[in-house]
Amino acid sequence: MQILNVRRPAHHDLWDVVRFKIVDGRRMLRKWLADPTVSDELRMGDAELLARFEAHLAERKPARIRFLTSEEALAMLMMAEGQTLH
């Protein structure tokens, strides 16, 4: 059943899909394709989808994460409310 969720993004532009879902889908597809108990009929098209996910991830850079200090977060909150720290 999980493989059906992995296949869903295939019908969308991958730039509109959250990066985590593509990374998780790639992991799931690799497991699925390596499982010898899965028939070839059930795997049809999954190798191409895996290649599409991998190509997209190679092109798409990981999100940059920046941690805020509590002072920066407070300043941003105050600015959003139209106040200043002074």
Protein backbone atom coordinates (compact mmCIF):
# COMPACT_ATOMS: atom_id res chain seq x y z
CA MET A 1 0.00 0.00 0.00
CA GLN A 2 2.89 2.38 0.74
CA ILE A 3 4.18 2.01 -2.80
CA LEU A 4 0.96 3.59 -4.09
CA ASN A 5 1.73 6.71 -2.03
CA VAL A 6 5.24 6.78 -3.50
CA ARG A 7 3.84 6.67 -7.03
CA ARG A 8 1.48 9.63 -6.47
CA PRO A 9 4.08 12.38 -7.05
CA ALA A 10 4.83 10.88 -10.47
CA HIS A 11 1.70 12.60 -11.77
CA HIS A 12 2.85 16.05 -10.59
CA ASP A 13 5.68 18.40 -11.35
CA LEU A 14 8.36 17.29 -8.89
CA TRP A 15 9.19 20.92 -8.09
CA ASP A 16 5.74 21.15 -6.50
CA VAL A 17 6.42 18.15 -4.24
CA VAL A 18 8.08 18.54 -0.85
CA ARG A 19 11.69 17.35 -1.07
CA PHE A 20 11.23 14.98 1.87
CA LYS A 21 8.54 13.04 -0.02
CA ILE A 22 10.87 12.54 -2.97
CA VAL A 23 13.75 11.41 -0.74
CA ASP A 24 11.45 9.06 1.15
CA GLY A 25 9.97 7.81 -2.13
CA ARG A 26 13.42 7.08 -3.50
CA ARG A 27 14.26 5.04 -0.41
CA MET A 28 10.98 3.13 -0.65
CA LEU A 29 11.40 2.45 -4.38
CA ARG A 30 14.90 1.10 -3.87
CA LYS A 31 13.57 -1.32 -1.22
CA TRP A 32 10.61 -2.26 -3.43
CA LEU A 33 12.73 -2.95 -6.49
CA ALA A 34 15.25 -5.00 -4.50
CA ASP A 35 12.55 -7.24 -3.00
CA PRO A 36 12.64 -10.59 -4.86
CA THR A 37 9.09 -11.49 -3.79
CA VAL A 38 7.57 -8.61 -5.81
CA SER A 39 6.53 -9.64 -9.31
CA ASP A 40 7.74 -7.81 -12.41
CA GLU A 41 4.14 -6.84 -13.23
CA LEU A 42 3.83 -4.96 -9.92
CA ARG A 43 7.15 -3.20 -10.48
CA MET A 44 6.29 -1.95 -13.96
CA GLY A 45 7.37 1.67 -14.35
CA ASP A 46 8.96 1.90 -10.91
CA ALA A 47 12.55 1.79 -12.22
CA GLU A 48 11.80 4.79 -14.44
CA LEU A 49 10.18 6.62 -11.53
CA LEU A 50 13.23 5.91 -9.37
CA ALA A 51 15.49 7.29 -12.11
CA ARG A 52 13.26 10.39 -12.35
CA PHE A 53 13.42 10.92 -8.56
CA GLU A 54 17.20 10.54 -8.54
CA ALA A 55 17.68 12.93 -11.46
CA HIS A 56 15.43 15.48 -9.79
CA LEU A 57 17.28 15.23 -6.48
CA ALA A 58 20.61 15.67 -8.25
CA GLU A 59 19.29 18.88 -9.77
CA ARG A 60 17.47 20.11 -6.68
CA LYS A 61 19.77 21.39 -3.98
CA PRO A 62 18.91 20.63 -0.35
CA ALA A 63 17.18 23.38 1.56
CA ARG A 64 19.49 25.58 3.55
CA ILE A 65 18.70 25.63 7.23
CA ARG A 66 19.47 28.60 9.41
CA PHE A 67 18.91 28.58 13.14
CA LEU A 68 17.65 31.74 14.80
CA THR A 69 18.72 32.86 18.23
CA SER A 70 15.92 33.69 20.63
CA GLU A 71 16.85 37.37 20.29
CA GLU A 72 16.52 37.22 16.49
CA ALA A 73 13.18 35.45 16.75
CA LEU A 74 11.90 38.03 19.22
CA ALA A 75 13.08 40.89 16.99
CA MET A 76 11.35 39.36 13.97
CA LEU A 77 8.15 38.90 15.97
CA MET A 78 8.25 42.46 17.23
CA MET A 79 8.89 43.81 13.71
CA ALA A 80 5.93 41.82 12.40
CA GLU A 81 3.76 43.44 15.05
CA GLY A 82 5.12 46.91 14.19
CA GLN A 83 7.08 47.33 17.41
CA THR A 84 10.76 47.78 18.08
CA LEU A 85 13.00 46.50 20.85
CA HIS A 86 13.85 50.07 21.95
